[in-house]
Amino acid sequence: MTGFVALAVVAGAALVGVGLVVAGSWLVRVVAGTRRPLVAAPHVGGMPVVEHAVSRWHVRWPTLALVFLAFDMEMLFMYPWTLVVARSGPAAAVEMFVFLGILLVGVGYAWREGAFRWS
């Protein structure tokens, strides 16, 4: 197969897959205005719904998640760095401190914007 034929096959398979997903969602959808409340209500383990689905969602959660990802990426890069810092010398230490400085700027920005205050 040439590159263009392979690309056409993959694009065709992607289009067929998207079509199947759209058709499947159309078949199992709940039509607005139906008189079947048990079908249209969200499943809550058999209990009646007492609050809106997003009523417990706090607007600060995405910002807090980004701060968590910053610390998570820090640890992801620090573990391999500890293995090569002795062989690489001071250049590796300088690079890590530059990386930590960039993360510190992000944490400082989040702190300034109030991401760590929950009230």
PDB file of N, CA and C in Angstrom:
ATOM      1  N   MET A   1       0.833  -1.185   0.000  1.00  0.00           N
ATOM      2  CA  MET A   1       0.000   0.000   0.000  1.00  0.00           C
ATOM      3  C   MET A   1       0.876   1.246   0.000  1.00  0.00           C
ATOM      4  N   THR A   2       0.487   2.182  -0.785  1.00  0.00           N
ATOM      5  CA  THR A   2       1.207   3.450  -0.763  1.00  0.00           C
ATOM      6  C   THR A   2       0.695   4.295   0.400  1.00  0.00           C
ATOM      7  N   GLY A   3       1.383   5.380   0.643  1.00  0.00           N
ATOM      8  CA  GLY A   3       1.019   6.232   1.773  1.00  0.00           C
ATOM      9  C   GLY A   3      -0.370   6.821   1.653  1.00  0.00           C
ATOM     10  N   PHE A   4      -0.751   7.224   0.426  1.00  0.00           N
ATOM     11  CA  PHE A   4      -2.058   7.847   0.245  1.00  0.00           C
ATOM     12  C   PHE A   4      -3.190   6.840   0.382  1.00  0.00           C
ATOM     13  N   VAL A   5      -2.966   5.618  -0.071  1.00  0.00           N
ATOM     14  CA  VAL A   5      -3.993   4.585   0.065  1.00  0.00           C
ATOM     15  C   VAL A   5      -4.184   4.245   1.543  1.00  0.00           C
ATOM     16  N   ALA A   6      -3.089   4.124   2.280  1.00  0.00           N
ATOM     17  CA  ALA A   6      -3.192   3.848   3.708  1.00  0.00           C
ATOM     18  C   ALA A   6      -3.906   4.988   4.427  1.00  0.00           C
ATOM     19  N   LEU A   7      -3.604   6.222   4.057  1.00  0.00           N
ATOM     20  CA  LEU A   7      -4.273   7.379   4.648  1.00  0.00           C
ATOM     21  C   LEU A   7      -5.763   7.359   4.341  1.00  0.00           C
ATOM     22  N   ALA A   8      -6.126   6.999   3.118  1.00  0.00           N
ATOM     23  CA  ALA A   8      -7.536   6.930   2.743  1.00  0.00           C
ATOM     24  C   ALA A   8      -8.248   5.827   3.517  1.00  0.00           C
ATOM     25  N   VAL A   9      -7.581   4.698   3.718  1.00  0.00           N
ATOM     26  CA  VAL A   9      -8.192   3.597   4.475  1.00  0.00           C
ATOM     27  C   VAL A   9      -8.418   4.016   5.925  1.00  0.00           C
ATOM     28  N   VAL A  10      -7.429   4.648   6.541  1.00  0.00           N
ATOM     29  CA  VAL A  10      -7.569   5.086   7.927  1.00  0.00           C
ATOM     30  C   VAL A  10      -8.654   6.165   8.041  1.00  0.00           C
ATOM     31  N   ALA A  11      -8.668   7.112   7.114  1.00  0.00           N
ATOM     32  CA  ALA A  11      -9.694   8.161   7.139  1.00  0.00           C
ATOM     33  C   ALA A  11     -11.080   7.561   6.942  1.00  0.00           C
ATOM     34  N   GLY A  12     -11.210   6.604   6.045  1.00  0.00           N
ATOM     35  CA  GLY A  12     -12.497   5.947   5.840  1.00  0.00           C
ATOM     36  C   GLY A  12     -12.943   5.181   7.070  1.00  0.00           C
ATOM     37  N   ALA A  13     -12.007   4.466   7.711  1.00  0.00           N
ATOM     38  CA  ALA A  13     -12.344   3.737   8.931  1.00  0.00           C
ATOM     39  C   ALA A  13     -12.759   4.700  10.039  1.00  0.00           C
ATOM     40  N   ALA A  14     -12.088   5.848  10.126  1.00  0.00           N
ATOM     41  CA  ALA A  14     -12.450   6.845  11.140  1.00  0.00           C
ATOM     42  C   ALA A  14     -13.851   7.393  10.875  1.00  0.00           C
ATOM     43  N   LEU A  15     -14.159   7.678   9.621  1.00  0.00           N
ATOM     44  CA  LEU A  15     -15.492   8.189   9.287  1.00  0.00           C
ATOM     45  C   LEU A  15     -16.575   7.158   9.573  1.00  0.00           C
ATOM     46  N   VAL A  16     -16.316   5.903   9.251  1.00  0.00           N
ATOM     47  CA  VAL A  16     -17.285   4.843   9.543  1.00  0.00           C
ATOM     48  C   VAL A  16     -17.463   4.704  11.053  1.00  0.00           C
ATOM     49  N   GLY A  17     -16.364   4.754  11.806  1.00  0.00           N
ATOM     50  CA  GLY A  17     -16.456   4.659  13.259  1.00  0.00           C
ATOM     51  C   GLY A  17     -17.251   5.803  13.859  1.00  0.00           C
ATOM     52  N   VAL A  18     -17.000   7.014  13.393  1.00  0.00           N
ATOM     53  CA  VAL A  18     -17.752   8.171  13.894  1.00  0.00           C
ATOM     54  C   VAL A  18     -19.225   8.030  13.523  1.00  0.00           C
ATOM     55  N   GLY A  19     -19.488   7.567  12.326  1.00  0.00           N
ATOM     56  CA  GLY A  19     -20.878   7.360  11.903  1.00  0.00           C
ATOM     57  C   GLY A  19     -21.588   6.333  12.769  1.00  0.00           C
ATOM     58  N   LEU A  20     -20.901   5.251  13.116  1.00  0.00           N
ATOM     59  CA  LEU A  20     -21.503   4.234  13.978  1.00  0.00           C
ATOM     60  C   LEU A  20     -21.782   4.776  15.374  1.00  0.00           C
ATOM     61  N   VAL A  21     -20.865   5.574  15.902  1.00  0.00           N
ATOM     62  CA  VAL A  21     -21.073   6.151  17.234  1.00  0.00           C
ATOM     63  C   VAL A  21     -22.251   7.123  17.218  1.00  0.00           C
ATOM     64  N   VAL A  22     -22.338   7.958  16.194  1.00  0.00           N
ATOM     65  CA  VAL A  22     -23.454   8.908  16.097  1.00  0.00           C
ATOM     66  C   VAL A  22     -24.770   8.162  15.929  1.00  0.00           C
ATOM     67  N   ALA A  23     -24.789   7.125  15.089  1.00  0.00           N
ATOM     68  CA  ALA A  23     -26.013   6.351  14.896  1.00  0.00           C
ATOM     69  C   ALA A  23     -26.413   5.640  16.187  1.00  0.00           C
ATOM     70  N   GLY A  24     -25.437   5.096  16.904  1.00  0.00           N
ATOM     71  CA  GLY A  24     -25.753   4.434  18.170  1.00  0.00           C
ATOM     72  C   GLY A  24     -26.296   5.396  19.204  1.00  0.00           C
ATOM     73  N   SER A  25     -25.732   6.587  19.283  1.00  0.00           N
ATOM     74  CA  SER A  25     -26.238   7.566  20.244  1.00  0.00           C
ATOM     75  C   SER A  25     -27.629   8.049  19.849  1.00  0.00           C
ATOM     76  N   TRP A  26     -27.905   8.102  18.562  1.00  0.00           N
ATOM     77  CA  TRP A  26     -29.236   8.502  18.099  1.00  0.00           C
ATOM     78  C   TRP A  26     -30.269   7.440  18.478  1.00  0.00           C
ATOM     79  N   LEU A  27     -29.872   6.171  18.442  1.00  0.00           N
ATOM     80  CA  LEU A  27     -30.801   5.091  18.760  1.00  0.00           C
ATOM     81  C   LEU A  27     -31.143   5.030  20.251  1.00  0.00           C
ATOM     82  N   VAL A  28     -30.216   5.375  21.132  1.00  0.00           N
ATOM     83  CA  VAL A  28     -30.456   5.245  22.571  1.00  0.00           C
ATOM     84  C   VAL A  28     -30.754   6.574  23.255  1.00  0.00           C
ATOM     85  N   ARG A  29     -30.963   7.635  22.507  1.00  0.00           N
ATOM     86  CA  ARG A  29     -31.203   8.942  23.107  1.00  0.00           C
ATOM     87  C   ARG A  29     -32.558   8.994  23.784  1.00  0.00           C
ATOM     88  N   VAL A  30     -32.704   9.955  24.692  1.00  0.00           N
ATOM     89  CA  VAL A  30     -33.980  10.222  25.336  1.00  0.00           C
ATOM     90  C   VAL A  30     -34.535  11.474  24.687  1.00  0.00           C
ATOM     91  N   VAL A  31     -35.693  11.362  24.104  1.00  0.00           N
ATOM     92  CA  VAL A  31     -36.300  12.484  23.395  1.00  0.00           C
ATOM     93  C   VAL A  31     -36.940  13.410  24.417  1.00  0.00           C
ATOM     94  N   ALA A  32     -36.683  14.700  24.276  1.00  0.00           N
ATOM     95  CA  ALA A  32     -37.262  15.674  25.188  1.00  0.00           C
ATOM     96  C   ALA A  32     -38.780  15.653  25.071  1.00  0.00           C
ATOM     97  N   GLY A  33     -39.437  15.730  26.194  1.00  0.00           N
ATOM     98  CA  GLY A  33     -40.894  15.757  26.201  1.00  0.00           C
ATOM     99  C   GLY A  33     -41.533  14.387  26.286  1.00  0.00           C
ATOM    100  N   THR A  34     -40.743  13.349  26.440  1.00  0.00           N
ATOM    101  CA  THR A  34     -41.352  12.027  26.583  1.00  0.00           C
ATOM    102  C   THR A  34     -42.025  11.920  27.938  1.00  0.00           C
ATOM    103  N   ARG A  35     -43.018  11.097  28.020  1.00  0.00           N
ATOM    104  CA  ARG A  35     -43.773  10.943  29.271  1.00  0.00           C
ATOM    105  C   ARG A  35     -43.294   9.720  30.048  1.00  0.00           C
ATOM    106  N   ARG A  36     -42.036   9.385  29.879  1.00  0.00           N
ATOM    107  CA  ARG A  36     -41.477   8.255  30.606  1.00  0.00           C
ATOM    108  C   ARG A  36     -40.405   8.788  31.555  1.00  0.00           C
ATOM    109  N   PRO A  37     -40.772   9.259  32.748  1.00  0.00           N
ATOM    110  CA  PRO A  37     -39.781   9.881  33.626  1.00  0.00           C
ATOM    111  C   PRO A  37     -38.717   8.904  34.122  1.00  0.00           C
ATOM    112  N   LEU A  38     -39.049   7.624  34.232  1.00  0.00           N
ATOM    113  CA  LEU A  38     -38.039   6.679  34.695  1.00  0.00           C
ATOM    114  C   LEU A  38     -36.948   6.475  33.665  1.00  0.00           C
ATOM    115  N   VAL A  39     -37.268   6.669  32.407  1.00  0.00           N
ATOM    116  CA  VAL A  39     -36.260   6.544  31.360  1.00  0.00           C
ATOM    117  C   VAL A  39     -35.449   7.824  31.261  1.00  0.00           C
ATOM    118  N   ALA A  40     -36.092   8.977  31.453  1.00  0.00           N
ATOM    119  CA  ALA A  40     -35.431  10.251  31.256  1.00  0.00           C
ATOM    120  C   ALA A  40     -34.630  10.701  32.479  1.00  0.00           C
ATOM    121  N   ALA A  41     -34.922  10.170  33.671  1.00  0.00           N
ATOM    122  CA  ALA A  41     -34.225  10.606  34.882  1.00  0.00           C
ATOM    123  C   ALA A  41     -32.854   9.942  34.963  1.00  0.00           C
ATOM    124  N   PRO A  42     -31.869  10.642  35.523  1.00  0.00           N
ATOM    125  CA  PRO A  42     -30.557  10.007  35.692  1.00  0.00           C
ATOM    126  C   PRO A  42     -30.625   8.903  36.734  1.00  0.00           C
ATOM    127  N   HIS A  43     -29.758   7.942  36.611  1.00  0.00           N
ATOM    128  CA  HIS A  43     -29.741   6.826  37.558  1.00  0.00           C
ATOM    129  C   HIS A  43     -28.977   7.223  38.815  1.00  0.00           C
ATOM    130  N   VAL A  44     -29.626   7.117  39.967  1.00  0.00           N
ATOM    131  CA  VAL A  44     -29.001   7.465  41.224  1.00  0.00           C
ATOM    132  C   VAL A  44     -29.158   6.285  42.178  1.00  0.00           C
ATOM    133  N   GLY A  45     -29.009   5.090  41.686  1.00  0.00           N
ATOM    134  CA  GLY A  45     -29.110   3.919  42.533  1.00  0.00           C
ATOM    135  C   GLY A  45     -30.516   3.660  43.039  1.00  0.00           C
ATOM    136  N   GLY A  46     -31.530   4.088  42.296  1.00  0.00           N
ATOM    137  CA  GLY A  46     -32.902   3.845  42.701  1.00  0.00           C
ATOM    138  C   GLY A  46     -33.499   4.939  43.559  1.00  0.00           C
ATOM    139  N   MET A  47     -32.698   5.879  44.011  1.00  0.00           N
ATOM    140  CA  MET A  47     -33.194   6.960  44.858  1.00  0.00           C
ATOM    141  C   MET A  47     -33.684   8.112  43.982  1.00  0.00           C
ATOM    142  N   PRO A  48     -34.656   8.873  44.464  1.00  0.00           N
ATOM    143  CA  PRO A  48     -35.099  10.033  43.677  1.00  0.00           C
ATOM    144  C   PRO A  48     -34.024  11.119  43.644  1.00  0.00           C
ATOM    145  N   VAL A  49     -33.996  11.877  42.576  1.00  0.00           N
ATOM    146  CA  VAL A  49     -33.014  12.946  42.418  1.00  0.00           C
ATOM    147  C   VAL A  49     -33.402  14.100  43.328  1.00  0.00           C
ATOM    148  N   VAL A  50     -32.459  14.563  44.163  1.00  0.00           N
ATOM    149  CA  VAL A  50     -32.768  15.638  45.106  1.00  0.00           C
ATOM    150  C   VAL A  50     -31.978  16.913  44.834  1.00  0.00           C
ATOM    151  N   GLU A  51     -30.971  16.864  43.981  1.00  0.00           N
ATOM    152  CA  GLU A  51     -30.192  18.060  43.684  1.00  0.00           C
ATOM    153  C   GLU A  51     -29.748  18.025  42.225  1.00  0.00           C
ATOM    154  N   HIS A  52     -29.380  19.178  41.725  1.00  0.00           N
ATOM    155  CA  HIS A  52     -28.924  19.280  40.351  1.00  0.00           C
ATOM    156  C   HIS A  52     -27.570  18.594  40.205  1.00  0.00           C
ATOM    157  N   ALA A  53     -27.280  18.096  39.020  1.00  0.00           N
ATOM    158  CA  ALA A  53     -26.063  17.317  38.804  1.00  0.00           C
ATOM    159  C   ALA A  53     -24.789  18.122  39.058  1.00  0.00           C
ATOM    160  N   VAL A  54     -24.799  19.430  38.784  1.00  0.00           N
ATOM    161  CA  VAL A  54     -23.582  20.223  38.964  1.00  0.00           C
ATOM    162  C   VAL A  54     -23.662  21.117  40.201  1.00  0.00           C
ATOM    163  N   SER A  55     -24.595  20.846  41.111  1.00  0.00           N
ATOM    164  CA  SER A  55     -24.730  21.720  42.269  1.00  0.00           C
ATOM    165  C   SER A  55     -23.560  21.579  43.233  1.00  0.00           C
ATOM    166  N   ARG A  56     -22.864  20.443  43.237  1.00  0.00           N
ATOM    167  CA  ARG A  56     -21.728  20.256  44.131  1.00  0.00           C
ATOM    168  C   ARG A  56     -20.413  20.596  43.452  1.00  0.00           C
ATOM    169  N   TRP A  57     -20.418  21.039  42.231  1.00  0.00           N
ATOM    170  CA  TRP A  57     -19.209  21.369  41.490  1.00  0.00           C
ATOM    171  C   TRP A  57     -18.762  22.771  41.872  1.00  0.00           C
ATOM    172  N   HIS A  58     -17.512  22.902  42.283  1.00  0.00           N
ATOM    173  CA  HIS A  58     -16.981  24.199  42.673  1.00  0.00           C
ATOM    174  C   HIS A  58     -16.137  24.751  41.520  1.00  0.00           C
ATOM    175  N   VAL A  59     -16.213  26.031  41.299  1.00  0.00           N
ATOM    176  CA  VAL A  59     -15.550  26.644  40.160  1.00  0.00           C
ATOM    177  C   VAL A  59     -14.027  26.610  40.292  1.00  0.00           C
ATOM    178  N   ARG A  60     -13.505  26.413  41.481  1.00  0.00           N
ATOM    179  CA  ARG A  60     -12.051  26.388  41.678  1.00  0.00           C
ATOM    180  C   ARG A  60     -11.426  25.015  41.394  1.00  0.00           C
ATOM    181  N   TRP A  61     -12.221  23.997  41.175  1.00  0.00           N
ATOM    182  CA  TRP A  61     -11.653  22.667  40.975  1.00  0.00           C
ATOM    183  C   TRP A  61     -10.742  22.569  39.762  1.00  0.00           C
ATOM    184  N   PRO A  62     -11.076  23.143  38.608  1.00  0.00           N
ATOM    185  CA  PRO A  62     -10.141  23.045  37.474  1.00  0.00           C
ATOM    186  C   PRO A  62      -8.804  23.721  37.755  1.00  0.00           C
ATOM    187  N   THR A  63      -8.817  24.866  38.437  1.00  0.00           N
ATOM    188  CA  THR A  63      -7.566  25.547  38.755  1.00  0.00           C
ATOM    189  C   THR A  63      -6.741  24.707  39.713  1.00  0.00           C
ATOM    190  N   LEU A  64      -7.390  24.124  40.689  1.00  0.00           N
ATOM    191  CA  LEU A  64      -6.687  23.261  41.630  1.00  0.00           C
ATOM    192  C   LEU A  64      -6.135  22.024  40.926  1.00  0.00           C
ATOM    193  N   ALA A  65      -6.869  21.516  39.948  1.00  0.00           N
ATOM    194  CA  ALA A  65      -6.382  20.367  39.180  1.00  0.00           C
ATOM    195  C   ALA A  65      -5.141  20.738  38.374  1.00  0.00           C
ATOM    196  N   LEU A  66      -5.087  21.951  37.839  1.00  0.00           N
ATOM    197  CA  LEU A  66      -3.909  22.387  37.092  1.00  0.00           C
ATOM    198  C   LEU A  66      -2.701  22.540  38.016  1.00  0.00           C
ATOM    199  N   VAL A  67      -2.919  23.025  39.225  1.00  0.00           N
ATOM    200  CA  VAL A  67      -1.819  23.121  40.183  1.00  0.00           C
ATOM    201  C   VAL A  67      -1.323  21.726  40.545  1.00  0.00           C
ATOM    202  N   PHE A  68      -2.251  20.787  40.732  1.00  0.00           N
ATOM    203  CA  PHE A  68      -1.850  19.409  40.999  1.00  0.00           C
ATOM    204  C   PHE A  68      -1.032  18.845  39.845  1.00  0.00           C
ATOM    205  N   LEU A  69      -1.453  19.118  38.615  1.00  0.00           N
ATOM    206  CA  LEU A  69      -0.699  18.626  37.461  1.00  0.00           C
ATOM    207  C   LEU A  69       0.692  19.240  37.398  1.00  0.00           C
ATOM    208  N   ALA A  70       0.832  20.489  37.826  1.00  0.00           N
ATOM    209  CA  ALA A  70       2.159  21.106  37.842  1.00  0.00           C
ATOM    210  C   ALA A  70       3.075  20.348  38.796  1.00  0.00           C
ATOM    211  N   PHE A  71       2.582  20.024  39.992  1.00  0.00           N
ATOM    212  CA  PHE A  71       3.397  19.262  40.936  1.00  0.00           C
ATOM    213  C   PHE A  71       3.620  17.832  40.453  1.00  0.00           C
ATOM    214  N   ASP A  72       2.625  17.272  39.791  1.00  0.00           N
ATOM    215  CA  ASP A  72       2.754  15.919  39.266  1.00  0.00           C
ATOM    216  C   ASP A  72       3.821  15.864  38.176  1.00  0.00           C
ATOM    217  N   MET A  73       3.837  16.846  37.289  1.00  0.00           N
ATOM    218  CA  MET A  73       4.863  16.896  36.232  1.00  0.00           C
ATOM    219  C   MET A  73       6.241  17.131  36.837  1.00  0.00           C
ATOM    220  N   GLU A  74       6.289  17.880  37.920  1.00  0.00           N
ATOM    221  CA  GLU A  74       7.567  18.100  38.594  1.00  0.00           C
ATOM    222  C   GLU A  74       8.150  16.772  39.062  1.00  0.00           C
ATOM    223  N   MET A  75       7.337  15.959  39.698  1.00  0.00           N
ATOM    224  CA  MET A  75       7.820  14.665  40.182  1.00  0.00           C
ATOM    225  C   MET A  75       8.147  13.726  39.022  1.00  0.00           C
ATOM    226  N   LEU A  76       7.390  13.816  37.952  1.00  0.00           N
ATOM    227  CA  LEU A  76       7.629  12.962  36.792  1.00  0.00           C
ATOM    228  C   LEU A  76       9.011  13.215  36.200  1.00  0.00           C
ATOM    229  N   PHE A  77       9.440  14.473  36.197  1.00  0.00           N
ATOM    230  CA  PHE A  77      10.746  14.798  35.637  1.00  0.00           C
ATOM    231  C   PHE A  77      11.876  14.711  36.667  1.00  0.00           C
ATOM    232  N   MET A  78      11.544  14.786  37.944  1.00  0.00           N
ATOM    233  CA  MET A  78      12.606  14.743  38.949  1.00  0.00           C
ATOM    234  C   MET A  78      13.123  13.329  39.198  1.00  0.00           C
ATOM    235  N   TYR A  79      12.290  12.317  39.071  1.00  0.00           N
ATOM    236  CA  TYR A  79      12.757  10.954  39.309  1.00  0.00           C
ATOM    237  C   TYR A  79      13.853  10.539  38.324  1.00  0.00           C
ATOM    238  N   PRO A  80      13.677  10.695  37.017  1.00  0.00           N
ATOM    239  CA  PRO A  80      14.784  10.339  36.121  1.00  0.00           C
ATOM    240  C   PRO A  80      15.990  11.270  36.280  1.00  0.00           C
ATOM    241  N   TRP A  81      15.726  12.522  36.636  1.00  0.00           N
ATOM    242  CA  TRP A  81      16.807  13.481  36.804  1.00  0.00           C
ATOM    243  C   TRP A  81      17.747  13.033  37.915  1.00  0.00           C
ATOM    244  N   THR A  82      17.213  12.449  38.984  1.00  0.00           N
ATOM    245  CA  THR A  82      18.069  12.015  40.089  1.00  0.00           C
ATOM    246  C   THR A  82      19.038  10.926  39.662  1.00  0.00           C
ATOM    247  N   LEU A  83      18.700  10.182  38.615  1.00  0.00           N
ATOM    248  CA  LEU A  83      19.579   9.111  38.149  1.00  0.00           C
ATOM    249  C   LEU A  83      20.737   9.631  37.296  1.00  0.00           C
ATOM    250  N   VAL A  84      20.529  10.752  36.610  1.00  0.00           N
ATOM    251  CA  VAL A  84      21.562  11.223  35.684  1.00  0.00           C
ATOM    252  C   VAL A  84      22.301  12.464  36.182  1.00  0.00           C
ATOM    253  N   VAL A  85      21.873  13.053  37.306  1.00  0.00           N
ATOM    254  CA  VAL A  85      22.491  14.297  37.747  1.00  0.00           C
ATOM    255  C   VAL A  85      23.956  14.088  38.130  1.00  0.00           C
ATOM    256  N   ALA A  86      24.299  12.948  38.687  1.00  0.00           N
ATOM    257  CA  ALA A  86      25.694  12.712  39.094  1.00  0.00           C
ATOM    258  C   ALA A  86      26.603  12.584  37.869  1.00  0.00           C
ATOM    259  N   ARG A  87      26.088  12.005  36.801  1.00  0.00           N
ATOM    260  CA  ARG A  87      26.901  11.845  35.586  1.00  0.00           C
ATOM    261  C   ARG A  87      26.967  13.121  34.757  1.00  0.00           C
ATOM    262  N   SER A  88      25.898  13.915  34.787  1.00  0.00           N
ATOM    263  CA  SER A  88      25.847  15.101  33.929  1.00  0.00           C
ATOM    264  C   SER A  88      26.522  16.312  34.540  1.00  0.00           C
ATOM    265  N   GLY A  89      26.613  16.346  35.835  1.00  0.00           N
ATOM    266  CA  GLY A  89      27.307  17.450  36.486  1.00  0.00           C
ATOM    267  C   GLY A  89      26.422  18.640  36.760  1.00  0.00           C
ATOM    268  N   PRO A  90      27.044  19.821  36.888  1.00  0.00           N
ATOM    269  CA  PRO A  90      26.299  21.022  37.273  1.00  0.00           C
ATOM    270  C   PRO A  90      25.275  21.466  36.239  1.00  0.00           C
ATOM    271  N   ALA A  91      25.472  21.104  34.980  1.00  0.00           N
ATOM    272  CA  ALA A  91      24.512  21.520  33.944  1.00  0.00           C
ATOM    273  C   ALA A  91      23.134  20.935  34.218  1.00  0.00           C
ATOM    274  N   ALA A  92      23.080  19.677  34.665  1.00  0.00           N
ATOM    275  CA  ALA A  92      21.796  19.053  34.969  1.00  0.00           C
ATOM    276  C   ALA A  92      21.133  19.725  36.157  1.00  0.00           C
ATOM    277  N   ALA A  93      21.924  20.124  37.147  1.00  0.00           N
ATOM    278  CA  ALA A  93      21.364  20.810  38.312  1.00  0.00           C
ATOM    279  C   ALA A  93      20.789  22.170  37.916  1.00  0.00           C
ATOM    280  N   VAL A  94      21.492  22.889  37.052  1.00  0.00           N
ATOM    281  CA  VAL A  94      21.004  24.192  36.593  1.00  0.00           C
ATOM    282  C   VAL A  94      19.708  24.024  35.811  1.00  0.00           C
ATOM    283  N   GLU A  95      19.646  23.013  34.935  1.00  0.00           N
ATOM    284  CA  GLU A  95      18.433  22.779  34.160  1.00  0.00           C
ATOM    285  C   GLU A  95      17.255  22.456  35.065  1.00  0.00           C
ATOM    286  N   MET A  96      17.479  21.662  36.108  1.00  0.00           N
ATOM    287  CA  MET A  96      16.390  21.309  37.010  1.00  0.00           C
ATOM    288  C   MET A  96      15.918  22.530  37.785  1.00  0.00           C
ATOM    289  N   PHE A  97      16.845  23.390  38.207  1.00  0.00           N
ATOM    290  CA  PHE A  97      16.420  24.577  38.928  1.00  0.00           C
ATOM    291  C   PHE A  97      15.686  25.565  38.021  1.00  0.00           C
ATOM    292  N   VAL A  98      16.038  25.613  36.749  1.00  0.00           N
ATOM    293  CA  VAL A  98      15.270  26.433  35.801  1.00  0.00           C
ATOM    294  C   VAL A  98      13.858  25.871  35.664  1.00  0.00           C
ATOM    295  N   PHE A  99      13.747  24.551  35.552  1.00  0.00           N
ATOM    296  CA  PHE A  99      12.438  23.906  35.457  1.00  0.00           C
ATOM    297  C   PHE A  99      11.613  24.166  36.707  1.00  0.00           C
ATOM    298  N   LEU A 100      12.226  24.021  37.879  1.00  0.00           N
ATOM    299  CA  LEU A 100      11.508  24.291  39.121  1.00  0.00           C
ATOM    300  C   LEU A 100      11.120  25.753  39.236  1.00  0.00           C
ATOM    301  N   GLY A 101      11.949  26.644  38.709  1.00  0.00           N
ATOM    302  CA  GLY A 101      11.610  28.064  38.709  1.00  0.00           C
ATOM    303  C   GLY A 101      10.382  28.353  37.858  1.00  0.00           C
ATOM    304  N   ILE A 102      10.294  27.694  36.711  1.00  0.00           N
ATOM    305  CA  ILE A 102       9.111  27.869  35.855  1.00  0.00           C
ATOM    306  C   ILE A 102       7.866  27.374  36.578  1.00  0.00           C
ATOM    307  N   LEU A 103       7.968  26.224  37.239  1.00  0.00           N
ATOM    308  CA  LEU A 103       6.825  25.724  38.002  1.00  0.00           C
ATOM    309  C   LEU A 103       6.488  26.646  39.173  1.00  0.00           C
ATOM    310  N   LEU A 104       7.502  27.207  39.793  1.00  0.00           N
ATOM    311  CA  LEU A 104       7.264  28.121  40.909  1.00  0.00           C
ATOM    312  C   LEU A 104       6.538  29.378  40.444  1.00  0.00           C
ATOM    313  N   VAL A 105       6.839  29.848  39.252  1.00  0.00           N
ATOM    314  CA  VAL A 105       6.110  30.999  38.702  1.00  0.00           C
ATOM    315  C   VAL A 105       4.635  30.645  38.529  1.00  0.00           C
ATOM    316  N   GLY A 106       4.354  29.425  38.043  1.00  0.00           N
ATOM    317  CA  GLY A 106       2.968  28.992  37.899  1.00  0.00           C
ATOM    318  C   GLY A 106       2.247  28.871  39.219  1.00  0.00           C
ATOM    319  N   VAL A 107       2.926  28.339  40.218  1.00  0.00           N
ATOM    320  CA  VAL A 107       2.306  28.221  41.542  1.00  0.00           C
ATOM    321  C   VAL A 107       2.100  29.608  42.152  1.00  0.00           C
ATOM    322  N   GLY A 108       3.042  30.508  41.955  1.00  0.00           N
ATOM    323  CA  GLY A 108       2.871  31.876  42.438  1.00  0.00           C
ATOM    324  C   GLY A 108       1.686  32.575  41.791  1.00  0.00           C
ATOM    325  N   TYR A 109       1.496  32.344  40.505  1.00  0.00           N
ATOM    326  CA  TYR A 109       0.342  32.912  39.804  1.00  0.00           C
ATOM    327  C   TYR A 109      -0.959  32.340  40.363  1.00  0.00           C
ATOM    328  N   ALA A 110      -0.979  31.018  40.577  1.00  0.00           N
ATOM    329  CA  ALA A 110      -2.185  30.398  41.141  1.00  0.00           C
ATOM    330  C   ALA A 110      -2.457  30.933  42.540  1.00  0.00           C
ATOM    331  N   TRP A 111      -1.424  31.125  43.321  1.00  0.00           N
ATOM    332  CA  TRP A 111      -1.581  31.662  44.665  1.00  0.00           C
ATOM    333  C   TRP A 111      -2.136  33.085  44.614  1.00  0.00           C
ATOM    334  N   ARG A 112      -1.588  33.894  43.698  1.00  0.00           N
ATOM    335  CA  ARG A 112      -2.061  35.259  43.558  1.00  0.00           C
ATOM    336  C   ARG A 112      -3.517  35.321  43.123  1.00  0.00           C
ATOM    337  N   GLU A 113      -3.932  34.378  42.275  1.00  0.00           N
ATOM    338  CA  GLU A 113      -5.313  34.347  41.801  1.00  0.00           C
ATOM    339  C   GLU A 113      -6.263  33.732  42.811  1.00  0.00           C
ATOM    340  N   GLY A 114      -5.723  33.179  43.895  1.00  0.00           N
ATOM    341  CA  GLY A 114      -6.582  32.634  44.955  1.00  0.00           C
ATOM    342  C   GLY A 114      -6.966  31.192  44.770  1.00  0.00           C
ATOM    343  N   ALA A 115      -6.159  30.428  44.049  1.00  0.00           N
ATOM    344  CA  ALA A 115      -6.493  29.027  43.813  1.00  0.00           C
ATOM    345  C   ALA A 115      -6.405  28.197  45.073  1.00  0.00           C
ATOM    346  N   PHE A 116      -5.660  28.641  46.080  1.00  0.00           N
ATOM    347  CA  PHE A 116      -5.498  27.869  47.295  1.00  0.00           C
ATOM    348  C   PHE A 116      -6.490  28.264  48.385  1.00  0.00           C
ATOM    349  N   ARG A 117      -7.295  29.306  48.136  1.00  0.00           N
ATOM    350  CA  ARG A 117      -8.341  29.684  49.076  1.00  0.00           C
ATOM    351  C   ARG A 117      -9.635  29.004  48.640  1.00  0.00           C
ATOM    352  N   TRP A 118     -10.314  28.369  49.543  1.00  0.00           N
ATOM    353  CA  TRP A 118     -11.504  27.621  49.173  1.00  0.00           C
ATOM    354  C   TRP A 118     -12.782  28.374  49.522  1.00  0.00           C
ATOM    355  N   SER A 119     -12.699  29.520  50.133  1.00  0.00           N
ATOM    356  CA  SER A 119     -13.908  30.247  50.495  1.00  0.00           C
ATOM    357  C   SER A 119     -14.275  31.290  49.477  1.00  0.00           C
TER     358      SER A 119
END
